[in-house]
């Protein structure tokens, strides 16, 4: 019996390992999926609310939801500290 591939799980694990965010092309390259296949699963994950997307210049970086929320909170804390000092 062949193992079933779980592309969404693979993408989630990859984004957890890269808190700096990845582009769709990087996700496709690392997972050895076609860009179109990776895009399909990424859009499903975005729709499910399991990942977040941030536009940086012309690139769209993808983050796992937990990592994204944590980085946003850290940025807000740093901003507040800078304002106080």
N, C-alpha and C. Protein backbone atom coordinates (compact mmCIF):
# COMPACT_ATOMS: atom_id res chain seq x y z
N UNK A 1 0.84 -1.19 0.00
CA UNK A 1 0.00 0.00 0.00
C UNK A 1 0.88 1.24 0.00
N UNK A 2 0.55 2.20 -0.88
CA UNK A 2 1.34 3.41 -1.00
C UNK A 2 0.97 4.41 0.08
N UNK A 3 1.97 5.17 0.55
CA UNK A 3 1.71 6.22 1.50
C UNK A 3 0.98 7.37 0.81
N UNK A 4 -0.01 7.92 1.49
CA UNK A 4 -0.70 9.08 0.95
C UNK A 4 0.09 10.32 1.31
N UNK A 5 0.25 11.19 0.33
CA UNK A 5 0.90 12.46 0.60
C UNK A 5 -0.10 13.40 1.23
N UNK A 6 0.35 14.18 2.15
CA UNK A 6 -0.51 15.16 2.81
C UNK A 6 0.10 16.53 2.57
N UNK A 7 -0.23 17.13 1.43
CA UNK A 7 0.41 18.39 1.04
C UNK A 7 0.13 19.55 1.99
N UNK A 8 -1.07 19.64 2.51
CA UNK A 8 -1.37 20.75 3.43
C UNK A 8 -0.55 20.63 4.71
N UNK A 9 -0.44 19.42 5.20
CA UNK A 9 0.36 19.18 6.42
C UNK A 9 1.83 19.51 6.15
N UNK A 10 2.31 19.14 4.98
CA UNK A 10 3.69 19.42 4.60
C UNK A 10 3.94 20.93 4.54
N UNK A 11 3.01 21.65 3.95
CA UNK A 11 3.15 23.11 3.84
C UNK A 11 3.11 23.75 5.22
N UNK A 12 2.20 23.31 6.07
CA UNK A 12 2.11 23.86 7.43
C UNK A 12 3.41 23.64 8.20
N UNK A 13 3.96 22.44 8.11
CA UNK A 13 5.21 22.12 8.80
C UNK A 13 6.33 23.01 8.28
N UNK A 14 6.38 23.19 6.98
CA UNK A 14 7.41 24.03 6.36
C UNK A 14 7.30 25.47 6.84
N UNK A 15 6.08 26.01 6.89
CA UNK A 15 5.91 27.40 7.34
C UNK A 15 6.23 27.55 8.82
N UNK A 16 5.98 26.51 9.61
CA UNK A 16 6.36 26.54 11.03
C UNK A 16 7.88 26.60 11.19
N UNK A 17 8.58 25.94 10.28
CA UNK A 17 10.05 25.91 10.33
C UNK A 17 10.69 27.19 9.80
N UNK A 18 9.91 28.04 9.13
CA UNK A 18 10.43 29.28 8.54
C UNK A 18 9.62 30.48 9.02
N UNK A 19 9.89 30.95 10.24
CA UNK A 19 9.11 32.07 10.79
C UNK A 19 9.28 33.37 10.00
N UNK A 20 10.32 33.46 9.18
CA UNK A 20 10.55 34.67 8.38
C UNK A 20 9.59 34.75 7.20
N UNK A 21 8.87 33.68 6.95
CA UNK A 21 7.90 33.64 5.86
C UNK A 21 8.51 33.12 4.57
N UNK A 22 7.67 32.56 3.72
CA UNK A 22 8.12 32.03 2.44
C UNK A 22 7.16 32.47 1.34
N UNK A 23 7.67 32.60 0.13
CA UNK A 23 6.82 32.87 -1.01
C UNK A 23 6.24 31.56 -1.52
N UNK A 24 5.23 31.66 -2.37
CA UNK A 24 4.64 30.46 -2.95
C UNK A 24 5.70 29.69 -3.73
N UNK A 25 6.54 30.42 -4.47
CA UNK A 25 7.58 29.76 -5.27
C UNK A 25 8.55 28.98 -4.39
N UNK A 26 8.94 29.56 -3.25
CA UNK A 26 9.84 28.86 -2.33
C UNK A 26 9.18 27.61 -1.76
N UNK A 27 7.91 27.73 -1.40
CA UNK A 27 7.17 26.58 -0.88
C UNK A 27 7.16 25.48 -1.93
N UNK A 28 6.86 25.85 -3.17
CA UNK A 28 6.82 24.87 -4.25
C UNK A 28 8.18 24.21 -4.45
N UNK A 29 9.24 25.01 -4.45
CA UNK A 29 10.59 24.46 -4.66
C UNK A 29 11.00 23.51 -3.54
N UNK A 30 10.76 23.89 -2.31
CA UNK A 30 11.19 23.08 -1.17
C UNK A 30 10.39 21.78 -1.08
N UNK A 31 9.08 21.86 -1.35
CA UNK A 31 8.23 20.68 -1.24
C UNK A 31 8.24 19.83 -2.51
N UNK A 32 8.89 20.35 -3.56
CA UNK A 32 8.96 19.67 -4.86
C UNK A 32 7.57 19.48 -5.48
N UNK A 33 6.69 20.44 -5.22
CA UNK A 33 5.37 20.48 -5.87
C UNK A 33 5.47 21.46 -7.03
N UNK A 34 4.54 21.34 -7.96
CA UNK A 34 4.49 22.38 -8.98
C UNK A 34 3.97 23.65 -8.31
N UNK A 35 4.27 24.80 -8.90
CA UNK A 35 3.82 26.06 -8.32
C UNK A 35 2.29 26.11 -8.27
N UNK A 36 1.64 25.59 -9.30
CA UNK A 36 0.17 25.60 -9.34
C UNK A 36 -0.44 24.71 -8.26
N UNK A 37 0.17 23.55 -8.02
CA UNK A 37 -0.31 22.66 -6.97
C UNK A 37 -0.13 23.31 -5.60
N UNK A 38 1.06 23.89 -5.38
CA UNK A 38 1.32 24.57 -4.11
C UNK A 38 0.33 25.72 -3.91
N UNK A 39 0.06 26.48 -4.97
CA UNK A 39 -0.88 27.60 -4.89
C UNK A 39 -2.27 27.11 -4.49
N UNK A 40 -2.70 26.00 -5.05
CA UNK A 40 -4.02 25.43 -4.72
C UNK A 40 -4.13 25.15 -3.23
N UNK A 41 -3.15 24.45 -2.69
CA UNK A 41 -3.20 24.10 -1.27
C UNK A 41 -3.01 25.31 -0.38
N UNK A 42 -2.19 26.26 -0.80
CA UNK A 42 -1.99 27.49 -0.02
C UNK A 42 -3.29 28.28 0.06
N UNK A 43 -4.02 28.38 -1.04
CA UNK A 43 -5.30 29.08 -1.01
C UNK A 43 -6.32 28.36 -0.14
N UNK A 44 -6.28 27.05 -0.12
CA UNK A 44 -7.16 26.30 0.78
C UNK A 44 -6.81 26.60 2.24
N UNK A 45 -5.51 26.63 2.55
CA UNK A 45 -5.08 26.93 3.92
C UNK A 45 -5.42 28.36 4.31
N UNK A 46 -5.29 29.30 3.37
CA UNK A 46 -5.68 30.69 3.63
C UNK A 46 -7.18 30.75 3.93
N UNK A 47 -7.98 30.05 3.14
CA UNK A 47 -9.42 30.03 3.34
C UNK A 47 -9.82 29.42 4.67
N UNK A 48 -9.06 28.43 5.12
CA UNK A 48 -9.32 27.78 6.41
C UNK A 48 -8.82 28.63 7.58
N UNK A 49 -8.06 29.68 7.28
CA UNK A 49 -7.52 30.54 8.33
C UNK A 49 -6.32 29.95 9.05
N UNK A 50 -5.68 28.96 8.45
CA UNK A 50 -4.55 28.29 9.11
C UNK A 50 -3.22 28.97 8.81
N UNK A 51 -3.17 29.77 7.74
CA UNK A 51 -1.97 30.52 7.43
C UNK A 51 -2.36 31.97 7.13
N UNK A 52 -1.37 32.86 7.18
CA UNK A 52 -1.57 34.28 6.89
C UNK A 52 -0.62 34.68 5.78
N UNK A 53 -0.98 35.77 5.14
CA UNK A 53 -0.20 36.27 4.02
C UNK A 53 0.09 37.75 4.27
N UNK A 54 1.31 38.17 3.98
CA UNK A 54 1.69 39.57 4.14
C UNK A 54 2.40 40.01 2.87
N UNK A 55 1.95 41.13 2.32
CA UNK A 55 2.56 41.64 1.11
C UNK A 55 3.77 42.49 1.50
N UNK A 56 4.93 42.15 0.93
CA UNK A 56 6.16 42.88 1.19
C UNK A 56 6.72 43.26 -0.18
N UNK A 57 6.53 44.52 -0.56
CA UNK A 57 6.91 44.93 -1.91
C UNK A 57 6.05 44.19 -2.91
N UNK A 58 6.67 43.56 -3.88
CA UNK A 58 5.91 42.78 -4.86
C UNK A 58 5.70 41.34 -4.41
N UNK A 59 6.40 40.93 -3.38
CA UNK A 59 6.29 39.54 -2.89
C UNK A 59 5.14 39.41 -1.90
N UNK A 60 4.59 38.21 -1.84
CA UNK A 60 3.59 37.86 -0.84
C UNK A 60 4.20 36.76 0.01
N UNK A 61 4.45 37.08 1.28
CA UNK A 61 5.05 36.10 2.18
C UNK A 61 3.96 35.37 2.95
N UNK A 62 4.17 34.09 3.12
CA UNK A 62 3.22 33.23 3.82
C UNK A 62 3.80 32.84 5.18
N UNK A 63 2.94 32.84 6.19
CA UNK A 63 3.34 32.49 7.56
C UNK A 63 2.29 31.56 8.15
N UNK A 64 2.72 30.70 9.07
CA UNK A 64 1.72 29.94 9.81
C UNK A 64 1.01 30.94 10.71
N UNK A 65 -0.25 30.71 10.99
CA UNK A 65 -1.07 31.65 11.74
C UNK A 65 -0.45 31.97 13.10
N UNK A 66 -0.02 30.94 13.81
CA UNK A 66 0.54 31.14 15.15
C UNK A 66 1.80 32.01 15.10
N UNK A 67 2.67 31.71 14.14
CA UNK A 67 3.91 32.50 14.01
C UNK A 67 3.60 33.93 13.62
N UNK A 68 2.62 34.12 12.74
CA UNK A 68 2.25 35.45 12.28
C UNK A 68 1.72 36.28 13.44
N UNK A 69 0.81 35.71 14.21
CA UNK A 69 0.24 36.43 15.35
C UNK A 69 1.32 36.78 16.36
N UNK A 70 2.23 35.84 16.61
CA UNK A 70 3.32 36.07 17.56
C UNK A 70 4.22 37.21 17.08
N UNK A 71 4.57 37.24 15.79
CA UNK A 71 5.45 38.29 15.28
C UNK A 71 4.77 39.65 15.30
N UNK A 72 3.46 39.69 15.02
CA UNK A 72 2.72 40.96 15.06
C UNK A 72 2.69 41.48 16.49
N UNK A 73 2.44 40.60 17.46
CA UNK A 73 2.41 41.02 18.86
C UNK A 73 3.78 41.53 19.29
N UNK A 74 4.85 40.85 18.86
CA UNK A 74 6.19 41.30 19.22
C UNK A 74 6.48 42.67 18.63
N UNK A 75 6.05 42.90 17.39
CA UNK A 75 6.25 44.21 16.76
C UNK A 75 5.51 45.30 17.53
N UNK A 76 4.30 45.01 17.97
CA UNK A 76 3.51 45.98 18.73
C UNK A 76 4.17 46.28 20.07
N UNK A 77 4.70 45.28 20.73
CA UNK A 77 5.37 45.47 22.02
C UNK A 77 6.62 46.33 21.84
N UNK A 78 7.40 46.03 20.82
CA UNK A 78 8.62 46.80 20.54
C UNK A 78 8.28 48.25 20.25
N UNK A 79 7.24 48.47 19.46
CA UNK A 79 6.81 49.83 19.12
C UNK A 79 6.41 50.60 20.37
N UNK A 80 5.64 49.95 21.29
CA UNK A 80 5.22 50.59 22.51
C UNK A 80 6.41 50.92 23.41
N UNK A 81 7.38 50.01 23.47
CA UNK A 81 8.58 50.25 24.27
C UNK A 81 9.38 51.43 23.73
N UNK A 82 9.50 51.50 22.41
CA UNK A 82 10.22 52.61 21.79
C UNK A 82 9.54 53.95 22.07
N UNK A 83 8.21 53.95 22.08
CA UNK A 83 7.47 55.17 22.36
C UNK A 83 7.70 55.64 23.79
N UNK A 84 7.83 54.68 24.71
CA UNK A 84 8.03 55.04 26.13
C UNK A 84 9.43 55.57 26.40
N UNK A 85 10.41 55.06 25.64
CA UNK A 85 11.79 55.44 25.92
C UNK A 85 12.28 56.32 24.87
